[in-house]
């Protein structure tokens, strides 16, 4: 399984800042933030499956544009996977004919351009040899993260979350966990804002990672523009998991294979 980071920033503000999107192999997209704009039209046309963590704009901004761009190039629908609650938000507030056409009701060939596939936490979705499973997240709207399992190893992406009691027993039980991508949106100076918006800051991250019992490479995502250097400095100053873990900052165009 090959994962290419298209965007991993908590906002925009220059050519180097792109919000969350990850391309898995050539046909799966995890979230559809502004990082999707890095893909060519041909690359967009090869995406068959889009897994959404939650409906906040920085994670779905490019989804309507993606569907529109490839509508006349495809022989089958693009499948959008999310929880029932998140799909309900997309249907009511995005693909509603007022903000954007309802592509689940538009057929260019025999099938609709887009179709919805509801998922549940813990329910595996098998796509060939690959398995994607929603894991719990705690945010201001219904949200999940995802475990990506190649058979040889797993990557877990938390999505947007704050302190999350349900997540760590699941992670500690994954036999071949190789990578953890976890958000830390705010610096410790904005810990109050992190708590009310249900994100992490370095002090909260330190407490969360202390629950991790198995060795794994950890990468930090969703850093707010203008705060990345401060956030990573504060994370580096922490004795994360008793010094067992040294998180790195996720980078756009970084590639993981597992």
C-alpha atoms as a PDB file:
ATOM      1  CA  UNK A   1       0.000   0.000   0.000  1.00  0.00           C
ATOM      2  CA  UNK A   2       1.356   3.404  -0.980  1.00  0.00           C
ATOM      3  CA  UNK A   3       0.129   6.575   0.743  1.00  0.00           C
ATOM      4  CA  UNK A   4       0.995   9.988  -0.698  1.00  0.00           C
ATOM      5  CA  UNK A   5       0.295  13.042   1.444  1.00  0.00           C
ATOM      6  CA  UNK A   6      -1.385  15.645  -0.774  1.00  0.00           C
ATOM      7  CA  UNK A   7      -2.184  18.036   2.065  1.00  0.00           C
ATOM      8  CA  UNK A   8      -1.660  17.998   5.823  1.00  0.00           C
ATOM      9  CA  UNK A   9      -2.036  21.583   6.992  1.00  0.00           C
ATOM     10  CA  UNK A  10      -4.676  23.036   9.266  1.00  0.00           C
ATOM     11  CA  UNK A  11      -5.401  25.875   6.848  1.00  0.00           C
ATOM     12  CA  UNK A  12      -4.207  27.786   3.794  1.00  0.00           C
ATOM     13  CA  UNK A  13      -1.878  30.754   3.353  1.00  0.00           C
ATOM     14  CA  UNK A  14       0.688  30.138   0.625  1.00  0.00           C
ATOM     15  CA  UNK A  15       1.597  27.617  -2.039  1.00  0.00           C
ATOM     16  CA  UNK A  16       3.083  25.260   0.550  1.00  0.00           C
ATOM     17  CA  UNK A  17      -0.092  25.011   2.681  1.00  0.00           C
ATOM     18  CA  UNK A  18      -2.717  22.473   1.624  1.00  0.00           C
ATOM     19  CA  UNK A  19      -5.481  21.026   3.789  1.00  0.00           C
ATOM     20  CA  UNK A  20      -5.938  17.345   4.444  1.00  0.00           C
ATOM     21  CA  UNK A  21      -5.986  14.788   1.641  1.00  0.00           C
ATOM     22  CA  UNK A  22      -4.141  11.480   1.232  1.00  0.00           C
ATOM     23  CA  UNK A  23      -3.925   9.420  -1.958  1.00  0.00           C
ATOM     24  CA  UNK A  24      -3.782   5.673  -1.339  1.00  0.00           C
ATOM     25  CA  UNK A  25      -2.284   3.792  -4.277  1.00  0.00           C
ATOM     26  CA  UNK A  26      -3.975   5.432  -7.280  1.00  0.00           C
ATOM     27  CA  UNK A  27      -7.659   4.859  -6.549  1.00  0.00           C
ATOM     28  CA  UNK A  28      -8.444   5.764  -2.919  1.00  0.00           C
ATOM     29  CA  UNK A  29      -8.632   9.210  -1.344  1.00  0.00           C
ATOM     30  CA  UNK A  30      -8.703   9.799   2.407  1.00  0.00           C
ATOM     31  CA  UNK A  31     -10.373  13.179   2.946  1.00  0.00           C
ATOM     32  CA  UNK A  32     -10.660  15.752   0.189  1.00  0.00           C
ATOM     33  CA  UNK A  33      -9.162  18.997   1.374  1.00  0.00           C
ATOM     34  CA  UNK A  34      -7.378  21.491  -0.838  1.00  0.00           C
ATOM     35  CA  UNK A  35      -4.440  19.109  -1.277  1.00  0.00           C
ATOM     36  CA  UNK A  36      -6.517  17.321  -3.926  1.00  0.00           C
ATOM     37  CA  UNK A  37      -5.620  20.221  -6.213  1.00  0.00           C
ATOM     38  CA  UNK A  38      -2.115  18.757  -6.485  1.00  0.00           C
ATOM     39  CA  UNK A  39      -3.470  15.950  -8.704  1.00  0.00           C
ATOM     40  CA  UNK A  40      -3.708  16.060 -12.480  1.00  0.00           C
ATOM     41  CA  UNK A  41      -7.000  15.477 -14.256  1.00  0.00           C
ATOM     42  CA  UNK A  42      -5.889  11.977 -15.188  1.00  0.00           C
ATOM     43  CA  UNK A  43      -5.006  11.222 -11.553  1.00  0.00           C
ATOM     44  CA  UNK A  44      -8.370  12.562 -10.403  1.00  0.00           C
ATOM     45  CA  UNK A  45     -10.099  10.326 -12.916  1.00  0.00           C
ATOM     46  CA  UNK A  46      -8.519   7.212 -11.413  1.00  0.00           C
ATOM     47  CA  UNK A  47      -9.987   7.814  -7.946  1.00  0.00           C
ATOM     48  CA  UNK A  48     -12.821   5.343  -7.342  1.00  0.00           C
ATOM     49  CA  UNK A  49     -13.209   5.618  -3.543  1.00  0.00           C
ATOM     50  CA  UNK A  50     -13.258   8.650  -1.237  1.00  0.00           C
ATOM     51  CA  UNK A  51     -13.263   8.097   2.545  1.00  0.00           C
ATOM     52  CA  UNK A  52     -14.306  11.165   4.544  1.00  0.00           C
ATOM     53  CA  UNK A  53     -13.459  11.567   8.241  1.00  0.00           C
ATOM     54  CA  UNK A  54     -15.906  14.406   8.899  1.00  0.00           C
ATOM     55  CA  UNK A  55     -17.690  17.213   7.105  1.00  0.00           C
ATOM     56  CA  UNK A  56     -15.628  20.251   8.079  1.00  0.00           C
ATOM     57  CA  UNK A  57     -14.643  22.328   5.067  1.00  0.00           C
ATOM     58  CA  UNK A  58     -10.893  21.768   5.289  1.00  0.00           C
ATOM     59  CA  UNK A  59     -11.535  18.037   4.797  1.00  0.00           C
ATOM     60  CA  UNK A  60     -14.163  18.211   2.026  1.00  0.00           C
ATOM     61  CA  UNK A  61     -13.447  21.458   0.146  1.00  0.00           C
ATOM     62  CA  UNK A  62     -12.267  19.708  -3.016  1.00  0.00           C
ATOM     63  CA  UNK A  63     -14.825  16.892  -3.014  1.00  0.00           C
ATOM     64  CA  UNK A  64     -17.505  18.730  -5.037  1.00  0.00           C
ATOM     65  CA  UNK A  65     -14.898  19.985  -7.508  1.00  0.00           C
ATOM     66  CA  UNK A  66     -13.380  16.514  -7.837  1.00  0.00           C
ATOM     67  CA  UNK A  67     -16.739  14.930  -8.680  1.00  0.00           C
ATOM     68  CA  UNK A  68     -17.493  17.647 -11.212  1.00  0.00           C
ATOM     69  CA  UNK A  69     -14.053  17.381 -12.837  1.00  0.00           C
ATOM     70  CA  UNK A  70     -14.271  13.641 -13.508  1.00  0.00           C
ATOM     71  CA  UNK A  71     -18.004  13.236 -14.152  1.00  0.00           C
ATOM     72  CA  UNK A  72     -17.692  12.835 -17.920  1.00  0.00           C
ATOM     73  CA  UNK A  73     -14.512  10.721 -17.748  1.00  0.00           C
ATOM     74  CA  UNK A  74     -15.794   7.767 -15.723  1.00  0.00           C
ATOM     75  CA  UNK A  75     -17.614   4.548 -16.498  1.00  0.00           C
ATOM     76  CA  UNK A  76     -18.803   4.004 -12.913  1.00  0.00           C
ATOM     77  CA  UNK A  77     -19.653   6.212  -9.934  1.00  0.00           C
ATOM     78  CA  UNK A  78     -17.170   7.620  -7.451  1.00  0.00           C
ATOM     79  CA  UNK A  79     -18.103   6.066  -4.107  1.00  0.00           C
ATOM     80  CA  UNK A  80     -18.058   8.375  -1.080  1.00  0.00           C
ATOM     81  CA  UNK A  81     -17.705   6.532   2.247  1.00  0.00           C
ATOM     82  CA  UNK A  82     -18.581   8.121   5.592  1.00  0.00           C
ATOM     83  CA  UNK A  83     -20.791   7.585   8.592  1.00  0.00           C
ATOM     84  CA  UNK A  84     -24.531   8.118   8.171  1.00  0.00           C
ATOM     85  CA  UNK A  85     -24.247  11.345  10.160  1.00  0.00           C
ATOM     86  CA  UNK A  86     -21.500  12.765   7.917  1.00  0.00           C
ATOM     87  CA  UNK A  87     -23.258  11.677   4.734  1.00  0.00           C
ATOM     88  CA  UNK A  88     -26.371  13.430   6.003  1.00  0.00           C
ATOM     89  CA  UNK A  89     -24.409  16.661   6.344  1.00  0.00           C
ATOM     90  CA  UNK A  90     -22.980  16.335   2.825  1.00  0.00           C
ATOM     91  CA  UNK A  91     -26.427  15.682   1.374  1.00  0.00           C
ATOM     92  CA  UNK A  92     -28.101  18.546   3.246  1.00  0.00           C
ATOM     93  CA  UNK A  93     -25.422  21.219   3.035  1.00  0.00           C
ATOM     94  CA  UNK A  94     -23.180  20.513   0.018  1.00  0.00           C
ATOM     95  CA  UNK A  95     -24.728  18.298  -2.671  1.00  0.00           C
ATOM     96  CA  UNK A  96     -28.121  19.979  -2.340  1.00  0.00           C
ATOM     97  CA  UNK A  97     -28.444  21.863  -5.672  1.00  0.00           C
ATOM     98  CA  UNK A  98     -28.092  25.173  -3.814  1.00  0.00           C
ATOM     99  CA  UNK A  99     -24.384  24.899  -2.975  1.00  0.00           C
ATOM    100  CA  UNK A 100     -23.512  22.223  -5.567  1.00  0.00           C
ATOM    101  CA  UNK A 101     -25.397  19.822  -7.826  1.00  0.00           C
ATOM    102  CA  UNK A 102     -26.511  16.521  -6.311  1.00  0.00           C
ATOM    103  CA  UNK A 103     -24.252  14.254  -8.332  1.00  0.00           C
ATOM    104  CA  UNK A 104     -25.824  11.190  -6.739  1.00  0.00           C
ATOM    105  CA  UNK A 105     -28.893  12.117  -8.823  1.00  0.00           C
ATOM    106  CA  UNK A 106     -27.073  12.881 -12.075  1.00  0.00           C
ATOM    107  CA  UNK A 107     -26.373  10.139 -14.614  1.00  0.00           C
ATOM    108  CA  UNK A 108     -24.064  10.800 -17.545  1.00  0.00           C
ATOM    109  CA  UNK A 109     -23.989   7.157 -18.562  1.00  0.00           C
ATOM    110  CA  UNK A 110     -25.962   4.296 -17.010  1.00  0.00           C
ATOM    111  CA  UNK A 111     -25.093   5.066 -13.400  1.00  0.00           C
ATOM    112  CA  UNK A 112     -25.083   8.154 -11.221  1.00  0.00           C
ATOM    113  CA  UNK A 113     -21.818  10.073 -11.169  1.00  0.00           C
ATOM    114  CA  UNK A 114     -21.457   9.646  -7.397  1.00  0.00           C
ATOM    115  CA  UNK A 115     -22.831   7.204  -4.856  1.00  0.00           C
ATOM    116  CA  UNK A 116     -22.863   7.241  -1.069  1.00  0.00           C
ATOM    117  CA  UNK A 117     -21.741   4.284   1.042  1.00  0.00           C
ATOM    118  CA  UNK A 118     -22.472   4.520   4.777  1.00  0.00           C
ATOM    119  CA  UNK A 119     -19.926   2.938   7.109  1.00  0.00           C
ATOM    120  CA  UNK A 120     -19.731   2.271  10.830  1.00  0.00           C
ATOM    121  CA  UNK A 121     -16.868   2.396  13.310  1.00  0.00           C
ATOM    122  CA  UNK A 122     -15.131  -0.980  13.352  1.00  0.00           C
ATOM    123  CA  UNK A 123     -16.680  -2.105  10.054  1.00  0.00           C
ATOM    124  CA  UNK A 124     -13.919  -3.181   7.610  1.00  0.00           C
ATOM    125  CA  UNK A 125     -14.182  -2.161   3.971  1.00  0.00           C
ATOM    126  CA  UNK A 126     -12.183  -4.522   1.776  1.00  0.00           C
ATOM    127  CA  UNK A 127     -10.913  -3.246  -1.564  1.00  0.00           C
ATOM    128  CA  UNK A 128      -8.871  -6.041  -3.107  1.00  0.00           C
ATOM    129  CA  UNK A 129      -6.060  -6.914  -0.709  1.00  0.00           C
ATOM    130  CA  UNK A 130      -6.534  -3.665   1.205  1.00  0.00           C
ATOM    131  CA  UNK A 131      -8.774  -3.069   4.203  1.00  0.00           C
ATOM    132  CA  UNK A 132      -9.938   0.303   5.528  1.00  0.00           C
ATOM    133  CA  UNK A 133     -11.687   0.506   8.885  1.00  0.00           C
ATOM    134  CA  UNK A 134     -13.180   3.549  10.599  1.00  0.00           C
ATOM    135  CA  UNK A 135     -11.847   4.177  14.122  1.00  0.00           C
ATOM    136  CA  UNK A 136     -13.403   6.488  16.737  1.00  0.00           C
ATOM    137  CA  UNK A 137     -12.640  10.202  16.899  1.00  0.00           C
ATOM    138  CA  UNK A 138     -13.894  12.918  19.258  1.00  0.00           C
ATOM    139  CA  UNK A 139     -14.632  16.221  17.540  1.00  0.00           C
ATOM    140  CA  UNK A 140     -17.253  18.976  17.364  1.00  0.00           C
ATOM    141  CA  UNK A 141     -19.133  17.137  14.602  1.00  0.00           C
ATOM    142  CA  UNK A 142     -19.540  13.400  13.959  1.00  0.00           C
ATOM    143  CA  UNK A 143     -16.050  12.193  13.041  1.00  0.00           C
ATOM    144  CA  UNK A 144     -13.877   9.132  12.582  1.00  0.00           C
ATOM    145  CA  UNK A 145     -10.297   8.264  11.750  1.00  0.00           C
ATOM    146  CA  UNK A 146      -9.161   5.366   9.575  1.00  0.00           C
ATOM    147  CA  UNK A 147      -6.962   2.296   9.848  1.00  0.00           C
ATOM    148  CA  UNK A 148      -5.375   1.370   6.520  1.00  0.00           C
ATOM    149  CA  UNK A 149      -4.259  -2.262   6.435  1.00  0.00           C
ATOM    150  CA  UNK A 150      -2.174  -3.613   3.540  1.00  0.00           C
ATOM    151  CA  UNK A 151      -1.882  -7.097   5.026  1.00  0.00           C
ATOM    152  CA  UNK A 152       1.816  -6.484   5.688  1.00  0.00           C
ATOM    153  CA  UNK A 153       1.224  -3.534   8.009  1.00  0.00           C
ATOM    154  CA  UNK A 154      -1.160  -0.798   9.118  1.00  0.00           C
ATOM    155  CA  UNK A 155      -1.295   2.981   9.186  1.00  0.00           C
ATOM    156  CA  UNK A 156      -3.761   4.771  11.464  1.00  0.00           C
ATOM    157  CA  UNK A 157      -4.863   8.341  10.755  1.00  0.00           C
ATOM    158  CA  UNK A 158      -6.803   9.868  13.654  1.00  0.00           C
ATOM    159  CA  UNK A 159      -8.634  12.544  11.698  1.00  0.00           C
ATOM    160  CA  UNK A 160      -9.544  15.591  13.777  1.00  0.00           C
ATOM    161  CA  UNK A 161      -9.869  14.593  17.402  1.00  0.00           C
ATOM    162  CA  UNK A 162      -9.263  15.620  20.971  1.00  0.00           C
ATOM    163  CA  UNK A 163      -8.554  13.257  23.876  1.00  0.00           C
ATOM    164  CA  UNK A 164      -9.981   9.928  22.805  1.00  0.00           C
ATOM    165  CA  UNK A 165     -10.317   7.124  25.361  1.00  0.00           C
ATOM    166  CA  UNK A 166     -11.733   4.669  22.815  1.00  0.00           C
ATOM    167  CA  UNK A 167      -8.842   4.940  20.353  1.00  0.00           C
ATOM    168  CA  UNK A 168      -5.844   3.668  22.294  1.00  0.00           C
ATOM    169  CA  UNK A 169      -6.986   0.127  23.134  1.00  0.00           C
ATOM    170  CA  UNK A 170      -7.707  -0.332  19.430  1.00  0.00           C
ATOM    171  CA  UNK A 171      -4.275   0.944  18.389  1.00  0.00           C
ATOM    172  CA  UNK A 172      -2.493  -1.168  20.976  1.00  0.00           C
ATOM    173  CA  UNK A 173      -4.273  -4.254  19.643  1.00  0.00           C
ATOM    174  CA  UNK A 174      -3.138  -3.764  16.008  1.00  0.00           C
ATOM    175  CA  UNK A 175      -0.480  -6.402  15.470  1.00  0.00           C
ATOM    176  CA  UNK A 176       1.436  -4.744  12.627  1.00  0.00           C
ATOM    177  CA  UNK A 177       0.913  -1.058  13.350  1.00  0.00           C
ATOM    178  CA  UNK A 178       3.657   0.795  11.493  1.00  0.00           C
ATOM    179  CA  UNK A 179       2.545   4.426  11.369  1.00  0.00           C
ATOM    180  CA  UNK A 180       0.342   6.785  13.369  1.00  0.00           C
ATOM    181  CA  UNK A 181      -0.684  10.127  11.886  1.00  0.00           C
ATOM    182  CA  UNK A 182      -2.240  12.230  14.643  1.00  0.00           C
ATOM    183  CA  UNK A 183      -3.402  15.811  14.681  1.00  0.00           C
ATOM    184  CA  UNK A 184      -2.095  18.628  16.859  1.00  0.00           C
ATOM    185  CA  UNK A 185      -3.794  21.782  15.687  1.00  0.00           C
ATOM    186  CA  UNK A 186      -2.796  24.351  18.304  1.00  0.00           C
ATOM    187  CA  UNK A 187       0.162  25.367  20.468  1.00  0.00           C
ATOM    188  CA  UNK A 188      -0.009  25.155  24.252  1.00  0.00           C
ATOM    189  CA  UNK A 189      -0.637  28.907  24.334  1.00  0.00           C
ATOM    190  CA  UNK A 190      -4.027  28.144  22.775  1.00  0.00           C
ATOM    191  CA  UNK A 191      -4.844  25.091  24.905  1.00  0.00           C
ATOM    192  CA  UNK A 192      -8.228  26.556  25.830  1.00  0.00           C
ATOM    193  CA  UNK A 193      -9.109  26.947  22.156  1.00  0.00           C
ATOM    194  CA  UNK A 194      -7.906  23.406  21.469  1.00  0.00           C
ATOM    195  CA  UNK A 195     -10.223  22.073  24.158  1.00  0.00           C
ATOM    196  CA  UNK A 196     -13.323  23.999  23.079  1.00  0.00           C
ATOM    197  CA  UNK A 197     -12.780  23.136  19.401  1.00  0.00           C
ATOM    198  CA  UNK A 198     -11.933  19.515  20.286  1.00  0.00           C
ATOM    199  CA  UNK A 199      -8.440  19.445  18.865  1.00  0.00           C
ATOM    200  CA  UNK A 200      -5.103  18.576  20.445  1.00  0.00           C
ATOM    201  CA  UNK A 201      -2.240  20.772  21.618  1.00  0.00           C
ATOM    202  CA  UNK A 202       1.217  19.432  22.613  1.00  0.00           C
ATOM    203  CA  UNK A 203       0.365  18.950  26.300  1.00  0.00           C
ATOM    204  CA  UNK A 204      -2.778  16.996  25.402  1.00  0.00           C
ATOM    205  CA  UNK A 205      -0.858  15.049  22.755  1.00  0.00           C
ATOM    206  CA  UNK A 206       1.765  14.068  25.327  1.00  0.00           C
ATOM    207  CA  UNK A 207      -0.897  12.604  27.583  1.00  0.00           C
ATOM    208  CA  UNK A 208      -2.530  10.770  24.689  1.00  0.00           C
ATOM    209  CA  UNK A 209       0.680   9.224  23.337  1.00  0.00           C
ATOM    210  CA  UNK A 210       1.551   7.981  26.826  1.00  0.00           C
ATOM    211  CA  UNK A 211      -1.256   5.449  26.290  1.00  0.00           C
ATOM    212  CA  UNK A 212       0.521   3.927  23.283  1.00  0.00           C
ATOM    213  CA  UNK A 213       2.188   0.673  24.317  1.00  0.00           C
ATOM    214  CA  UNK A 214       3.707  -0.528  21.039  1.00  0.00           C
ATOM    215  CA  UNK A 215       6.560   0.971  18.977  1.00  0.00           C
ATOM    216  CA  UNK A 216       5.314   3.010  16.040  1.00  0.00           C
ATOM    217  CA  UNK A 217       6.450   5.961  13.933  1.00  0.00           C
ATOM    218  CA  UNK A 218       4.340   9.028  14.789  1.00  0.00           C
ATOM    219  CA  UNK A 219       3.703  11.997  12.494  1.00  0.00           C
ATOM    220  CA  UNK A 220       1.908  15.219  13.394  1.00  0.00           C
ATOM    221  CA  UNK A 221      -0.698  16.692  11.054  1.00  0.00           C
ATOM    222  CA  UNK A 222      -3.211  19.563  10.929  1.00  0.00           C
ATOM    223  CA  UNK A 223      -0.921  22.238  12.394  1.00  0.00           C
ATOM    224  CA  UNK A 224      -2.525  25.660  12.111  1.00  0.00           C
ATOM    225  CA  UNK A 225      -0.843  28.149   9.735  1.00  0.00           C
ATOM    226  CA  UNK A 226       1.708  30.294  11.519  1.00  0.00           C
ATOM    227  CA  UNK A 227       1.935  27.915  14.481  1.00  0.00           C
ATOM    228  CA  UNK A 228       3.762  24.933  13.012  1.00  0.00           C
ATOM    229  CA  UNK A 229       7.227  25.860  14.293  1.00  0.00           C
ATOM    230  CA  UNK A 230       5.951  26.627  17.799  1.00  0.00           C
ATOM    231  CA  UNK A 231       3.829  23.473  17.972  1.00  0.00           C
ATOM    232  CA  UNK A 232       6.689  21.208  16.901  1.00  0.00           C
ATOM    233  CA  UNK A 233       9.064  22.958  19.330  1.00  0.00           C
ATOM    234  CA  UNK A 234       6.645  22.304  22.179  1.00  0.00           C
ATOM    235  CA  UNK A 235       6.184  18.684  21.108  1.00  0.00           C
ATOM    236  CA  UNK A 236       9.967  18.248  20.978  1.00  0.00           C
ATOM    237  CA  UNK A 237      10.270  19.596  24.506  1.00  0.00           C
ATOM    238  CA  UNK A 238       7.895  16.943  25.842  1.00  0.00           C
ATOM    239  CA  UNK A 239       9.029  13.591  27.179  1.00  0.00           C
ATOM    240  CA  UNK A 240       6.609  11.874  24.832  1.00  0.00           C
ATOM    241  CA  UNK A 241       5.741   8.383  26.067  1.00  0.00           C
ATOM    242  CA  UNK A 242       8.706   8.499  28.431  1.00  0.00           C
ATOM    243  CA  UNK A 243      11.045   9.423  25.604  1.00  0.00           C
ATOM    244  CA  UNK A 244      10.111   6.340  23.566  1.00  0.00           C
ATOM    245  CA  UNK A 245       8.485   8.368  20.776  1.00  0.00           C
ATOM    246  CA  UNK A 246       9.891  11.276  18.782  1.00  0.00           C
ATOM    247  CA  UNK A 247       7.064  12.597  16.604  1.00  0.00           C
ATOM    248  CA  UNK A 248       7.912  14.123  13.252  1.00  0.00           C
ATOM    249  CA  UNK A 249       5.956  16.750  11.331  1.00  0.00           C
ATOM    250  CA  UNK A 250       4.003  15.346   8.407  1.00  0.00           C
ATOM    251  CA  UNK A 251       4.951  16.947   5.095  1.00  0.00           C
ATOM    252  CA  UNK A 252       3.039  17.491   1.870  1.00  0.00           C
ATOM    253  CA  UNK A 253       4.161  15.012  -0.818  1.00  0.00           C
ATOM    254  CA  UNK A 254       5.590  12.640   1.790  1.00  0.00           C
ATOM    255  CA  UNK A 255       5.130   9.004   0.739  1.00  0.00           C
ATOM    256  CA  UNK A 256       4.713   5.938   2.952  1.00  0.00           C
ATOM    257  CA  UNK A 257       4.772   2.345   1.745  1.00  0.00           C
ATOM    258  CA  UNK A 258       3.789  -0.553   3.983  1.00  0.00           C
END
